[in-house]
PDB file of N, CA and C in Angstrom:
ATOM      1  N   MET A   1     -99.521 -13.169   2.825  1.00  0.00           N
ATOM      2  CA  MET A   1    -100.218 -14.612   2.474  1.00  0.00           C
ATOM      3  C   MET A   1    -100.559 -14.890   1.223  1.00  0.00           C
ATOM      4  N   GLN A   2    -100.367 -14.079   0.337  1.00  0.00           N
ATOM      5  CA  GLN A   2    -100.345 -13.981  -1.061  1.00  0.00           C
ATOM      6  C   GLN A   2     -99.245 -14.981  -1.509  1.00  0.00           C
ATOM      7  N   THR A   3     -98.159 -14.770  -0.853  1.00  0.00           N
ATOM      8  CA  THR A   3     -96.689 -15.629  -1.378  1.00  0.00           C
ATOM      9  C   THR A   3     -96.960 -17.047  -1.265  1.00  0.00           C
ATOM     10  N   GLY A   4     -97.641 -17.408   0.042  1.00  0.00           N
ATOM     11  CA  GLY A   4     -97.739 -18.730   0.654  1.00  0.00           C
ATOM     12  C   GLY A   4     -98.406 -19.089  -0.477  1.00  0.00           C
ATOM     13  N   LYS A   5     -99.721 -18.493  -0.857  1.00  0.00           N
ATOM     14  CA  LYS A   5    -100.660 -19.411  -1.692  1.00  0.00           C
ATOM     15  C   LYS A   5    -100.042 -19.711  -3.056  1.00  0.00           C
ATOM     16  N   ASN A   6     -99.274 -18.618  -3.615  1.00  0.00           N
ATOM     17  CA  ASN A   6     -98.420 -18.635  -4.718  1.00  0.00           C
ATOM     18  C   ASN A   6     -97.518 -19.879  -4.757  1.00  0.00           C
ATOM     19  N   ASN A   7     -96.872 -19.969  -3.736  1.00  0.00           N
ATOM     20  CA  ASN A   7     -95.865 -21.056  -3.497  1.00  0.00           C
ATOM     21  C   ASN A   7     -96.467 -22.446  -3.640  1.00  0.00           C
ATOM     22  N   GLN A   8     -97.712 -22.487  -2.617  1.00  0.00           N
ATOM     23  CA  GLN A   8     -98.549 -23.826  -2.807  1.00  0.00           C
ATOM     24  C   GLN A   8     -99.075 -24.204  -4.279  1.00  0.00           C
ATOM     25  N   ASP A   9     -99.546 -23.218  -5.015  1.00  0.00           N
ATOM     26  CA  ASP A   9     -99.899 -23.260  -6.610  1.00  0.00           C
ATOM     27  C   ASP A   9     -98.654 -23.854  -7.115  1.00  0.00           C
ATOM     28  N   ARG A  10     -97.498 -23.452  -6.989  1.00  0.00           N
ATOM     29  CA  ARG A  10     -96.129 -23.801  -7.866  1.00  0.00           C
ATOM     30  C   ARG A  10     -95.927 -25.018  -7.492  1.00  0.00           C
ATOM     31  N   ILE A  11     -96.000 -25.425  -6.047  1.00  0.00           N
ATOM     32  CA  ILE A  11     -95.761 -27.069  -5.670  1.00  0.00           C
ATOM     33  C   ILE A  11     -96.752 -27.867  -6.433  1.00  0.00           C
ATOM     34  N   ASP A  12     -97.917 -27.479  -6.238  1.00  0.00           N
ATOM     35  CA  ASP A  12     -98.882 -28.372  -6.714  1.00  0.00           C
ATOM     36  C   ASP A  12     -98.884 -28.668  -8.557  1.00  0.00           C
ATOM     37  N   GLN A  13     -98.194 -27.705  -9.171  1.00  0.00           N
ATOM     38  CA  GLN A  13     -98.042 -27.731 -10.434  1.00  0.00           C
ATOM     39  C   GLN A  13     -96.911 -28.636 -10.746  1.00  0.00           C
ATOM     40  N   ILE A  14     -95.993 -28.430  -9.940  1.00  0.00           N
ATOM     41  CA  ILE A  14     -94.753 -29.362 -10.224  1.00  0.00           C
ATOM     42  C   ILE A  14     -95.244 -30.906  -9.952  1.00  0.00           C
ATOM     43  N   MET A  15     -95.833 -31.065  -8.740  1.00  0.00           N
ATOM     44  CA  MET A  15     -96.371 -32.471  -8.320  1.00  0.00           C
ATOM     45  C   MET A  15     -97.048 -32.992  -9.597  1.00  0.00           C
ATOM     46  N   GLU A  16     -98.086 -32.407 -10.043  1.00  0.00           N
ATOM     47  CA  GLU A  16     -98.875 -32.859 -11.305  1.00  0.00           C
ATOM     48  C   GLU A  16     -98.301 -33.329 -12.581  1.00  0.00           C
ATOM     49  N   SER A  17     -97.091 -32.433 -12.770  1.00  0.00           N
ATOM     50  CA  SER A  17     -96.044 -32.927 -13.828  1.00  0.00           C
ATOM     51  C   SER A  17     -95.389 -33.930 -13.755  1.00  0.00           C
ATOM     52  N   LEU A  18     -95.007 -34.311 -12.555  1.00  0.00           N
ATOM     53  CA  LEU A  18     -94.216 -35.687 -12.199  1.00  0.00           C
ATOM     54  C   LEU A  18     -95.266 -36.664 -12.169  1.00  0.00           C
ATOM     55  N   GLU A  19     -96.589 -36.857 -12.627  1.00  0.00           N
ATOM     56  CA  GLU A  19     -97.515 -37.933 -12.402  1.00  0.00           C
ATOM     57  C   GLU A  19     -97.236 -38.726 -13.737  1.00  0.00           C
ATOM     58  N   GLY A  20     -97.075 -38.443 -14.807  1.00  0.00           N
ATOM     59  CA  GLY A  20     -96.956 -39.183 -15.912  1.00  0.00           C
ATOM     60  C   GLY A  20     -95.228 -39.656 -16.051  1.00  0.00           C
ATOM     61  N   ILE A  21     -94.603 -39.410 -15.339  1.00  0.00           N
ATOM     62  CA  ILE A  21     -93.241 -40.011 -15.486  1.00  0.00           C
ATOM     63  C   ILE A  21     -92.912 -41.392 -15.140  1.00  0.00           C
ATOM     64  N   GLN A  22     -92.465 -42.030 -16.333  1.00  0.00           N
ATOM     65  CA  GLN A  22     -92.098 -43.433 -16.001  1.00  0.00           C
ATOM     66  C   GLN A  22     -90.588 -43.572 -15.831  1.00  0.00           C
ATOM     67  N   SER A  23     -90.218 -45.051 -15.432  1.00  0.00           N
ATOM     68  CA  SER A  23     -88.742 -45.052 -15.141  1.00  0.00           C
ATOM     69  C   SER A  23     -88.049 -45.411 -16.487  1.00  0.00           C
ATOM     70  N   ALA A  24     -86.748 -44.882 -16.563  1.00  0.00           N
ATOM     71  CA  ALA A  24     -86.061 -45.031 -17.925  1.00  0.00           C
ATOM     72  C   ALA A  24     -85.997 -46.522 -17.961  1.00  0.00           C
ATOM     73  N   MET A  25     -85.907 -46.503 -19.495  1.00  0.00           N
ATOM     74  CA  MET A  25     -85.703 -47.849 -20.079  1.00  0.00           C
ATOM     75  C   MET A  25     -84.413 -47.925 -20.735  1.00  0.00           C
ATOM     76  N   PRO A  26     -83.425 -48.794 -20.755  1.00  0.00           N
ATOM     77  CA  PRO A  26     -82.256 -49.053 -21.558  1.00  0.00           C
ATOM     78  C   PRO A  26     -82.799 -49.440 -22.727  1.00  0.00           C
ATOM     79  N   ARG A  27     -81.752 -49.175 -24.146  1.00  0.00           N
ATOM     80  CA  ARG A  27     -81.792 -49.671 -25.233  1.00  0.00           C
ATOM     81  C   ARG A  27     -81.719 -51.362 -25.148  1.00  0.00           C
ATOM     82  N   PRO A  28     -82.462 -51.795 -26.015  1.00  0.00           N
ATOM     83  CA  PRO A  28     -82.228 -53.454 -26.019  1.00  0.00           C
ATOM     84  C   PRO A  28     -80.741 -53.730 -26.014  1.00  0.00           C
ATOM     85  N   PHE A  29     -80.512 -54.965 -25.281  1.00  0.00           N
ATOM     86  CA  PHE A  29     -79.221 -55.700 -25.556  1.00  0.00           C
ATOM     87  C   PHE A  29     -77.924 -54.563 -25.125  1.00  0.00           C
ATOM     88  N   LEU A  30     -78.147 -53.596 -24.047  1.00  0.00           N
ATOM     89  CA  LEU A  30     -77.414 -53.047 -23.550  1.00  0.00           C
ATOM     90  C   LEU A  30     -76.482 -53.704 -22.647  1.00  0.00           C
ATOM     91  N   TYR A  31     -76.608 -54.573 -21.874  1.00  0.00           N
ATOM     92  CA  TYR A  31     -75.880 -55.403 -21.045  1.00  0.00           C
ATOM     93  C   TYR A  31     -75.130 -56.237 -21.944  1.00  0.00           C
ATOM     94  N   THR A  32     -75.553 -56.859 -22.906  1.00  0.00           N
ATOM     95  CA  THR A  32     -74.807 -57.642 -23.960  1.00  0.00           C
ATOM     96  C   THR A  32     -73.787 -56.885 -24.519  1.00  0.00           C
ATOM     97  N   ARG A  33     -73.936 -55.511 -25.131  1.00  0.00           N
ATOM     98  CA  ARG A  33     -72.885 -54.751 -25.453  1.00  0.00           C
ATOM     99  C   ARG A  33     -71.864 -54.234 -24.641  1.00  0.00           C
ATOM    100  N   ILE A  34     -72.326 -54.157 -23.486  1.00  0.00           N
ATOM    101  CA  ILE A  34     -71.335 -53.626 -22.365  1.00  0.00           C
ATOM    102  C   ILE A  34     -70.326 -54.847 -22.356  1.00  0.00           C
ATOM    103  N   SER A  35     -70.713 -56.211 -21.996  1.00  0.00           N
ATOM    104  CA  SER A  35     -70.020 -57.146 -21.501  1.00  0.00           C
ATOM    105  C   SER A  35     -69.102 -57.557 -22.782  1.00  0.00           C
ATOM    106  N   VAL A  36     -69.656 -57.276 -24.046  1.00  0.00           N
ATOM    107  CA  VAL A  36     -68.551 -57.687 -25.441  1.00  0.00           C
ATOM    108  C   VAL A  36     -67.405 -56.796 -25.018  1.00  0.00           C
ATOM    109  N   ARG A  37     -67.678 -55.364 -24.825  1.00  0.00           N
ATOM    110  CA  ARG A  37     -66.817 -54.662 -24.908  1.00  0.00           C
ATOM    111  C   ARG A  37     -65.603 -55.094 -23.875  1.00  0.00           C
ATOM    112  N   MET A  38     -66.249 -55.221 -22.558  1.00  0.00           N
ATOM    113  CA  MET A  38     -65.217 -55.456 -21.306  1.00  0.00           C
ATOM    114  C   MET A  38     -64.632 -56.718 -21.784  1.00  0.00           C
ATOM    115  N   GLU A  39     -65.343 -57.722 -22.472  1.00  0.00           N
ATOM    116  CA  GLU A  39     -64.347 -58.954 -22.824  1.00  0.00           C
ATOM    117  C   GLU A  39     -63.291 -58.748 -23.874  1.00  0.00           C
ATOM    118  N   ARG A  40     -63.562 -57.760 -24.684  1.00  0.00           N
ATOM    119  CA  ARG A  40     -62.456 -57.633 -25.814  1.00  0.00           C
ATOM    120  C   ARG A  40     -61.539 -56.639 -25.183  1.00  0.00           C
ATOM    121  N   ASN A  41     -61.563 -55.749 -24.343  1.00  0.00           N
ATOM    122  CA  ASN A  41     -60.535 -55.517 -23.616  1.00  0.00           C
ATOM    123  C   ASN A  41     -59.490 -56.161 -22.649  1.00  0.00           C
ATOM    124  N   ARG A  42     -60.349 -57.280 -22.133  1.00  0.00           N
ATOM    125  CA  ARG A  42     -59.643 -58.156 -21.575  1.00  0.00           C
ATOM    126  C   ARG A  42     -58.562 -59.136 -22.354  1.00  0.00           C
ATOM    127  N   LYS A  43     -58.764 -59.337 -23.456  1.00  0.00           N
ATOM    128  CA  LYS A  43     -57.805 -60.203 -24.318  1.00  0.00           C
ATOM    129  C   LYS A  43     -56.988 -59.292 -24.965  1.00  0.00           C
ATOM    130  N   ASP A  44     -56.844 -57.906 -24.996  1.00  0.00           N
ATOM    131  CA  ASP A  44     -55.931 -57.252 -25.557  1.00  0.00           C
ATOM    132  C   ASP A  44     -54.631 -57.385 -24.589  1.00  0.00           C
ATOM    133  N   PRO A  45     -53.340 -57.789 -25.187  1.00  0.00           N
ATOM    134  CA  PRO A  45     -52.177 -57.956 -24.338  1.00  0.00           C
ATOM    135  C   PRO A  45     -51.652 -56.773 -23.481  1.00  0.00           C
ATOM    136  N   TRP A  46     -51.857 -55.748 -24.016  1.00  0.00           N
ATOM    137  CA  TRP A  46     -51.410 -54.586 -23.626  1.00  0.00           C
ATOM    138  C   TRP A  46     -52.325 -54.047 -22.139  1.00  0.00           C
ATOM    139  N   VAL A  47     -53.680 -54.444 -22.315  1.00  0.00           N
ATOM    140  CA  VAL A  47     -54.455 -54.314 -21.280  1.00  0.00           C
ATOM    141  C   VAL A  47     -54.204 -55.372 -20.069  1.00  0.00           C
ATOM    142  N   ARG A  48     -53.985 -56.519 -20.668  1.00  0.00           N
ATOM    143  CA  ARG A  48     -53.605 -57.426 -19.429  1.00  0.00           C
ATOM    144  C   ARG A  48     -52.273 -57.201 -18.793  1.00  0.00           C
ATOM    145  N   SER A  49     -51.244 -56.788 -19.588  1.00  0.00           N
ATOM    146  CA  SER A  49     -50.114 -56.455 -19.008  1.00  0.00           C
ATOM    147  C   SER A  49     -50.270 -55.220 -18.120  1.00  0.00           C
ATOM    148  N   TRP A  50     -50.929 -54.204 -18.298  1.00  0.00           N
ATOM    149  CA  TRP A  50     -51.117 -53.033 -17.513  1.00  0.00           C
ATOM    150  C   TRP A  50     -51.975 -53.585 -16.469  1.00  0.00           C
ATOM    151  N   ASN A  51     -53.035 -54.370 -16.486  1.00  0.00           N
ATOM    152  CA  ASN A  51     -53.627 -54.847 -15.233  1.00  0.00           C
ATOM    153  C   ASN A  51     -52.650 -55.560 -14.339  1.00  0.00           C
ATOM    154  N   PHE A  52     -51.958 -56.413 -14.837  1.00  0.00           N
ATOM    155  CA  PHE A  52     -50.931 -57.022 -14.079  1.00  0.00           C
ATOM    156  C   PHE A  52     -50.242 -55.919 -13.160  1.00  0.00           C
ATOM    157  N   ILE A  53     -49.297 -55.271 -13.931  1.00  0.00           N
ATOM    158  CA  ILE A  53     -48.475 -54.355 -13.451  1.00  0.00           C
ATOM    159  C   ILE A  53     -49.082 -53.449 -12.471  1.00  0.00           C
ATOM    160  N   SER A  54     -50.418 -52.996 -12.581  1.00  0.00           N
ATOM    161  CA  SER A  54     -51.145 -51.866 -11.761  1.00  0.00           C
ATOM    162  C   SER A  54     -51.643 -52.557 -10.516  1.00  0.00           C
ATOM    163  N   ARG A  55     -51.408 -53.843 -10.243  1.00  0.00           N
ATOM    164  CA  ARG A  55     -51.809 -54.513  -8.924  1.00  0.00           C
ATOM    165  C   ARG A  55     -50.650 -53.868  -7.853  1.00  0.00           C
ATOM    166  N   PRO A  56     -51.286 -53.641  -6.796  1.00  0.00           N
ATOM    167  CA  PRO A  56     -50.339 -52.997  -5.840  1.00  0.00           C
ATOM    168  C   PRO A  56     -49.130 -53.866  -5.431  1.00  0.00           C
ATOM    169  N   ALA A  57     -49.251 -55.258  -5.188  1.00  0.00           N
ATOM    170  CA  ALA A  57     -48.091 -55.932  -4.800  1.00  0.00           C
ATOM    171  C   ALA A  57     -47.204 -55.836  -6.094  1.00  0.00           C
ATOM    172  N   VAL A  58     -47.472 -56.082  -7.108  1.00  0.00           N
ATOM    173  CA  VAL A  58     -46.470 -55.916  -8.234  1.00  0.00           C
ATOM    174  C   VAL A  58     -45.861 -54.406  -8.225  1.00  0.00           C
ATOM    175  N   SER A  59     -46.752 -53.384  -8.304  1.00  0.00           N
ATOM    176  CA  SER A  59     -46.149 -52.162  -8.537  1.00  0.00           C
ATOM    177  C   SER A  59     -45.275 -51.693  -7.266  1.00  0.00           C
ATOM    178  N   MET A  60     -45.640 -52.099  -5.992  1.00  0.00           N
ATOM    179  CA  MET A  60     -44.778 -52.046  -4.865  1.00  0.00           C
ATOM    180  C   MET A  60     -43.423 -52.550  -5.128  1.00  0.00           C
ATOM    181  N   THR A  61     -43.441 -53.816  -5.605  1.00  0.00           N
ATOM    182  CA  THR A  61     -42.208 -54.775  -5.799  1.00  0.00           C
ATOM    183  C   THR A  61     -41.264 -53.989  -6.538  1.00  0.00           C
ATOM    184  N   ILE A  62     -41.789 -53.671  -7.819  1.00  0.00           N
ATOM    185  CA  ILE A  62     -41.166 -52.846  -9.082  1.00  0.00           C
ATOM    186  C   ILE A  62     -40.368 -51.580  -8.401  1.00  0.00           C
ATOM    187  N   VAL A  63     -41.251 -50.880  -7.551  1.00  0.00           N
ATOM    188  CA  VAL A  63     -40.672 -49.546  -6.851  1.00  0.00           C
ATOM    189  C   VAL A  63     -39.596 -49.836  -5.918  1.00  0.00           C
ATOM    190  N   ALA A  64     -39.815 -50.840  -5.150  1.00  0.00           N
ATOM    191  CA  ALA A  64     -38.767 -51.352  -4.100  1.00  0.00           C
ATOM    192  C   ALA A  64     -37.543 -51.871  -5.128  1.00  0.00           C
ATOM    193  N   SER A  65     -37.696 -52.691  -5.681  1.00  0.00           N
ATOM    194  CA  SER A  65     -36.563 -53.216  -6.403  1.00  0.00           C
ATOM    195  C   SER A  65     -35.848 -51.932  -7.183  1.00  0.00           C
ATOM    196  N   LEU A  66     -36.244 -51.006  -8.018  1.00  0.00           N
ATOM    197  CA  LEU A  66     -35.748 -49.775  -8.465  1.00  0.00           C
ATOM    198  C   LEU A  66     -34.931 -48.953  -7.053  1.00  0.00           C
ATOM    199  N   MET A  67     -35.415 -48.577  -5.999  1.00  0.00           N
ATOM    200  CA  MET A  67     -34.756 -48.204  -5.047  1.00  0.00           C
ATOM    201  C   MET A  67     -33.555 -48.887  -4.783  1.00  0.00           C
ATOM    202  N   ILE A  68     -33.729 -50.115  -4.537  1.00  0.00           N
ATOM    203  CA  ILE A  68     -32.456 -50.846  -3.851  1.00  0.00           C
ATOM    204  C   ILE A  68     -31.383 -50.780  -4.949  1.00  0.00           C
ATOM    205  N   MET A  69     -31.624 -50.892  -6.275  1.00  0.00           N
ATOM    206  CA  MET A  69     -30.651 -50.940  -7.197  1.00  0.00           C
ATOM    207  C   MET A  69     -30.189 -49.281  -7.265  1.00  0.00           C
ATOM    208  N   ASN A  70     -30.928 -48.442  -6.982  1.00  0.00           N
ATOM    209  CA  ASN A  70     -30.430 -47.106  -7.146  1.00  0.00           C
ATOM    210  C   ASN A  70     -29.537 -46.592  -5.785  1.00  0.00           C
ATOM    211  N   LEU A  71     -29.896 -47.266  -4.602  1.00  0.00           N
ATOM    212  CA  LEU A  71     -28.837 -46.983  -3.447  1.00  0.00           C
ATOM    213  C   LEU A  71     -27.506 -48.053  -3.715  1.00  0.00           C
ATOM    214  N   TYR A  72     -27.726 -49.143  -4.465  1.00  0.00           N
ATOM    215  CA  TYR A  72     -26.571 -49.972  -4.851  1.00  0.00           C
ATOM    216  C   TYR A  72     -25.654 -49.205  -5.542  1.00  0.00           C
ATOM    217  N   ILE A  73     -26.310 -48.445  -6.548  1.00  0.00           N
ATOM    218  CA  ILE A  73     -25.235 -47.702  -7.643  1.00  0.00           C
ATOM    219  C   ILE A  73     -24.819 -46.722  -6.925  1.00  0.00           C
ATOM    220  N   VAL A  74     -25.415 -45.813  -6.025  1.00  0.00           N
ATOM    221  CA  VAL A  74     -24.945 -44.879  -5.178  1.00  0.00           C
ATOM    222  C   VAL A  74     -23.898 -45.089  -4.261  1.00  0.00           C
ATOM    223  N   PHE A  75     -24.050 -46.154  -3.410  1.00  0.00           N
ATOM    224  CA  PHE A  75     -22.895 -46.511  -2.604  1.00  0.00           C
ATOM    225  C   PHE A  75     -21.764 -47.200  -3.383  1.00  0.00           C
ATOM    226  N   GLN A  76     -21.974 -47.882  -4.480  1.00  0.00           N
ATOM    227  CA  GLN A  76     -20.749 -48.338  -5.105  1.00  0.00           C
ATOM    228  C   GLN A  76     -20.102 -47.062  -5.623  1.00  0.00           C
ATOM    229  N   ARG A  77     -20.669 -46.251  -6.245  1.00  0.00           N
ATOM    230  CA  ARG A  77     -20.085 -44.923  -6.795  1.00  0.00           C
ATOM    231  C   ARG A  77     -19.292 -44.331  -5.645  1.00  0.00           C
ATOM    232  N   SER A  78     -20.100 -44.208  -4.413  1.00  0.00           N
ATOM    233  CA  SER A  78     -19.156 -43.278  -3.405  1.00  0.00           C
ATOM    234  C   SER A  78     -17.898 -44.259  -2.734  1.00  0.00           C
ATOM    235  N   ALA A  79     -17.982 -45.509  -2.965  1.00  0.00           N
ATOM    236  CA  ALA A  79     -16.973 -46.378  -2.550  1.00  0.00           C
ATOM    237  C   ALA A  79     -15.697 -46.165  -3.397  1.00  0.00           C
ATOM    238  N   GLU A  80     -16.168 -45.961  -4.792  1.00  0.00           N
ATOM    239  CA  GLU A  80     -14.863 -45.915  -5.721  1.00  0.00           C
ATOM    240  C   GLU A  80     -14.393 -44.551  -5.732  1.00  0.00           C
ATOM    241  N   GLN A  81     -15.106 -43.657  -5.160  1.00  0.00           N
ATOM    242  CA  GLN A  81     -14.941 -42.221  -5.243  1.00  0.00           C
ATOM    243  C   GLN A  81     -13.890 -42.010  -4.030  1.00  0.00           C
ATOM    244  N   SER A  82     -13.878 -42.932  -2.934  1.00  0.00           N
ATOM    245  CA  SER A  82     -13.196 -42.834  -1.710  1.00  0.00           C
ATOM    246  C   SER A  82     -11.682 -43.463  -2.211  1.00  0.00           C
ATOM    247  N   ASP A  83     -11.918 -44.434  -2.905  1.00  0.00           N
ATOM    248  CA  ASP A  83     -10.639 -44.988  -3.380  1.00  0.00           C
ATOM    249  C   ASP A  83      -9.754 -44.106  -4.311  1.00  0.00           C
ATOM    250  N   LEU A  84     -10.510 -43.671  -5.066  1.00  0.00           N
ATOM    251  CA  LEU A  84      -9.950 -42.399  -6.152  1.00  0.00           C
ATOM    252  C   LEU A  84      -9.418 -41.264  -5.329  1.00  0.00           C
ATOM    253  N   LYS A  85      -9.792 -41.082  -4.379  1.00  0.00           N
ATOM    254  CA  LYS A  85      -9.214 -39.730  -3.486  1.00  0.00           C
ATOM    255  C   LYS A  85      -7.733 -40.158  -3.150  1.00  0.00           C
ATOM    256  N   ASP A  86      -7.619 -41.466  -2.605  1.00  0.00           N
ATOM    257  CA  ASP A  86      -6.348 -41.677  -2.078  1.00  0.00           C
ATOM    258  C   ASP A  86      -5.135 -41.968  -3.292  1.00  0.00           C
ATOM    259  N   GLU A  87      -5.613 -42.324  -4.448  1.00  0.00           N
ATOM    260  CA  GLU A  87      -4.874 -42.818  -5.730  1.00  0.00           C
ATOM    261  C   GLU A  87      -4.142 -41.846  -6.516  1.00  0.00           C
ATOM    262  N   PRO A  88      -4.759 -40.555  -6.308  1.00  0.00           N
ATOM    263  CA  PRO A  88      -3.840 -39.388  -7.213  1.00  0.00           C
ATOM    264  C   PRO A  88      -2.738 -38.855  -6.515  1.00  0.00           C
ATOM    265  N   THR A  89      -2.796 -39.073  -5.070  1.00  0.00           N
ATOM    266  CA  THR A  89      -1.644 -38.278  -4.370  1.00  0.00           C
ATOM    267  C   THR A  89      -0.819 -39.621  -4.494  1.00  0.00           C
ATOM    268  N   ALA A  90      -0.944 -41.023  -4.745  1.00  0.00           N
ATOM    269  CA  ALA A  90       0.128 -41.842  -4.815  1.00  0.00           C
ATOM    270  C   ALA A  90       0.683 -41.828  -6.168  1.00  0.00           C
ATOM    271  N   ASN A  91      -0.166 -41.526  -7.222  1.00  0.00           N
ATOM    272  CA  ASN A  91       0.333 -41.556  -8.527  1.00  0.00           C
ATOM    273  C   ASN A  91       1.514 -40.187  -8.673  1.00  0.00           C
ATOM    274  N   VAL A  92       1.019 -39.271  -8.119  1.00  0.00           N
ATOM    275  CA  VAL A  92       1.840 -38.074  -7.935  1.00  0.00           C
ATOM    276  C   VAL A  92       3.213 -38.080  -7.384  1.00  0.00           C
ATOM    277  N   THR A  93       3.282 -38.579  -6.178  1.00  0.00           N
ATOM    278  CA  THR A  93       4.526 -39.090  -5.401  1.00  0.00           C
ATOM    279  C   THR A  93       5.376 -40.030  -6.085  1.00  0.00           C
ATOM    280  N   ASN A  94       4.689 -40.889  -7.021  1.00  0.00           N
ATOM    281  CA  ASN A  94       5.545 -41.991  -7.842  1.00  0.00           C
ATOM    282  C   ASN A  94       5.969 -41.346  -9.083  1.00  0.00           C
ATOM    283  N   ASP A  95       5.317 -40.196  -9.388  1.00  0.00           N
ATOM    284  CA  ASP A  95       5.991 -39.466 -10.632  1.00  0.00           C
ATOM    285  C   ASP A  95       6.985 -38.771 -10.232  1.00  0.00           C
ATOM    286  N   TYR A  96       6.913 -37.978  -9.206  1.00  0.00           N
ATOM    287  CA  TYR A  96       7.828 -36.942  -8.670  1.00  0.00           C
ATOM    288  C   TYR A  96       8.826 -37.593  -7.754  1.00  0.00           C
ATOM    289  N   GLU A  97       8.903 -38.768  -7.763  1.00  0.00           N
ATOM    290  CA  GLU A  97       9.636 -39.514  -6.646  1.00  0.00           C
ATOM    291  C   GLU A  97      11.177 -39.104  -7.101  1.00  0.00           C
ATOM    292  N   LEU A  98      12.016 -38.657  -6.146  1.00  0.00           N
ATOM    293  CA  LEU A  98      13.529 -38.581  -6.418  1.00  0.00           C
ATOM    294  C   LEU A  98      13.964 -39.686  -6.471  1.00  0.00           C
ATOM    295  N   GLN A  99      14.753 -39.747  -7.668  1.00  0.00           N
ATOM    296  CA  GLN A  99      15.437 -41.121  -7.986  1.00  0.00           C
ATOM    297  C   GLN A  99      16.922 -40.758  -8.088  1.00  0.00           C
ATOM    298  N   TYR A 100      17.734 -41.579  -7.434  1.00  0.00           N
ATOM    299  CA  TYR A 100      19.025 -41.412  -7.190  1.00  0.00           C
ATOM    300  C   TYR A 100      19.845 -42.105  -8.308  1.00  0.00           C
ATOM    301  N   VAL A 101      20.648 -41.285  -9.047  1.00  0.00           N
ATOM    302  CA  VAL A 101      21.087 -41.851 -10.407  1.00  0.00           C
ATOM    303  C   VAL A 101      22.583 -41.341 -10.290  1.00  0.00           C
ATOM    304  N   SER A 102      23.303 -42.123 -10.245  1.00  0.00           N
ATOM    305  CA  SER A 102      24.941 -41.822 -10.259  1.00  0.00           C
ATOM    306  C   SER A 102      25.289 -42.045 -11.564  1.00  0.00           C
ATOM    307  N   TYR A 103      25.915 -40.991 -12.134  1.00  0.00           N
ATOM    308  CA  TYR A 103      26.456 -41.288 -13.508  1.00  0.00           C
ATOM    309  C   TYR A 103      28.014 -41.531 -13.100  1.00  0.00           C
ATOM    310  N   TYR A 104      28.258 -41.953 -12.085  1.00  0.00           N
ATOM    311  CA  TYR A 104      29.839 -42.591 -12.001  1.00  0.00           C
ATOM    312  C   TYR A 104      29.606 -44.111 -11.987  1.00  0.00           C
ATOM    313  N   SER A 105      28.348 -44.430 -11.588  1.00  0.00           N
ATOM    314  CA  SER A 105      28.223 -45.922 -11.403  1.00  0.00           C
ATOM    315  C   SER A 105      28.370 -46.800 -12.744  1.00  0.00           C
ATOM    316  N   ILE A 106      28.041 -46.001 -13.760  1.00  0.00           N
ATOM    317  CA  ILE A 106      27.563 -46.347 -15.288  1.00  0.00           C
ATOM    318  C   ILE A 106      29.152 -47.229 -15.523  1.00  0.00           C
ATOM    319  N   ASN A 107      30.351 -46.279 -15.249  1.00  0.00           N
ATOM    320  CA  ASN A 107      31.470 -46.894 -16.088  1.00  0.00           C
ATOM    321  C   ASN A 107      32.344 -47.429 -14.718  1.00  0.00           C
ATOM    322  N   ASP A 108      31.796 -48.545 -13.980  1.00  0.00           N
ATOM    323  CA  ASP A 108      32.599 -49.071 -12.645  1.00  0.00           C
ATOM    324  C   ASP A 108      33.570 -49.740 -13.250  1.00  0.00           C
ATOM    325  N   ASP A 109      33.545 -50.291 -14.598  1.00  0.00           N
ATOM    326  CA  ASP A 109      34.538 -51.115 -15.087  1.00  0.00           C
ATOM    327  C   ASP A 109      36.000 -50.406 -15.103  1.00  0.00           C
ATOM    328  N   GLN A 110      36.037 -49.124 -15.514  1.00  0.00           N
ATOM    329  CA  GLN A 110      37.175 -48.667 -15.666  1.00  0.00           C
ATOM    330  C   GLN A 110      37.712 -47.874 -14.404  1.00  0.00           C
ATOM    331  N   PRO A 111      38.835 -48.044 -14.367  1.00  0.00           N
ATOM    332  CA  PRO A 111      39.678 -47.526 -12.976  1.00  0.00           C
ATOM    333  C   PRO A 111      39.662 -45.972 -13.334  1.00  0.00           C
TER     334      PRO A 111
END
């Protein structure tokens, strides 16, 4: 039972120490200083542009447009690659195509 009495004495000491406590008071003109700093940041063009870009609708529009442009480029290149797959074989056949050259037809005028 001794520990129960010690605990009660300790609780009483803590409660007595809390009797003189007052609520915290801010420094004078705290609200004015905070509002001035917030207003100063609103006038900065970088902060204003970041606030505009960070809106969900604007950021999602930017991301969607980048994705669409990226997909367009990928499909455009794949279409070009498929066109190029057929083209080299045509160039090779044109380069190595057998041409009939008659050496006798050059001098047709002579008997």
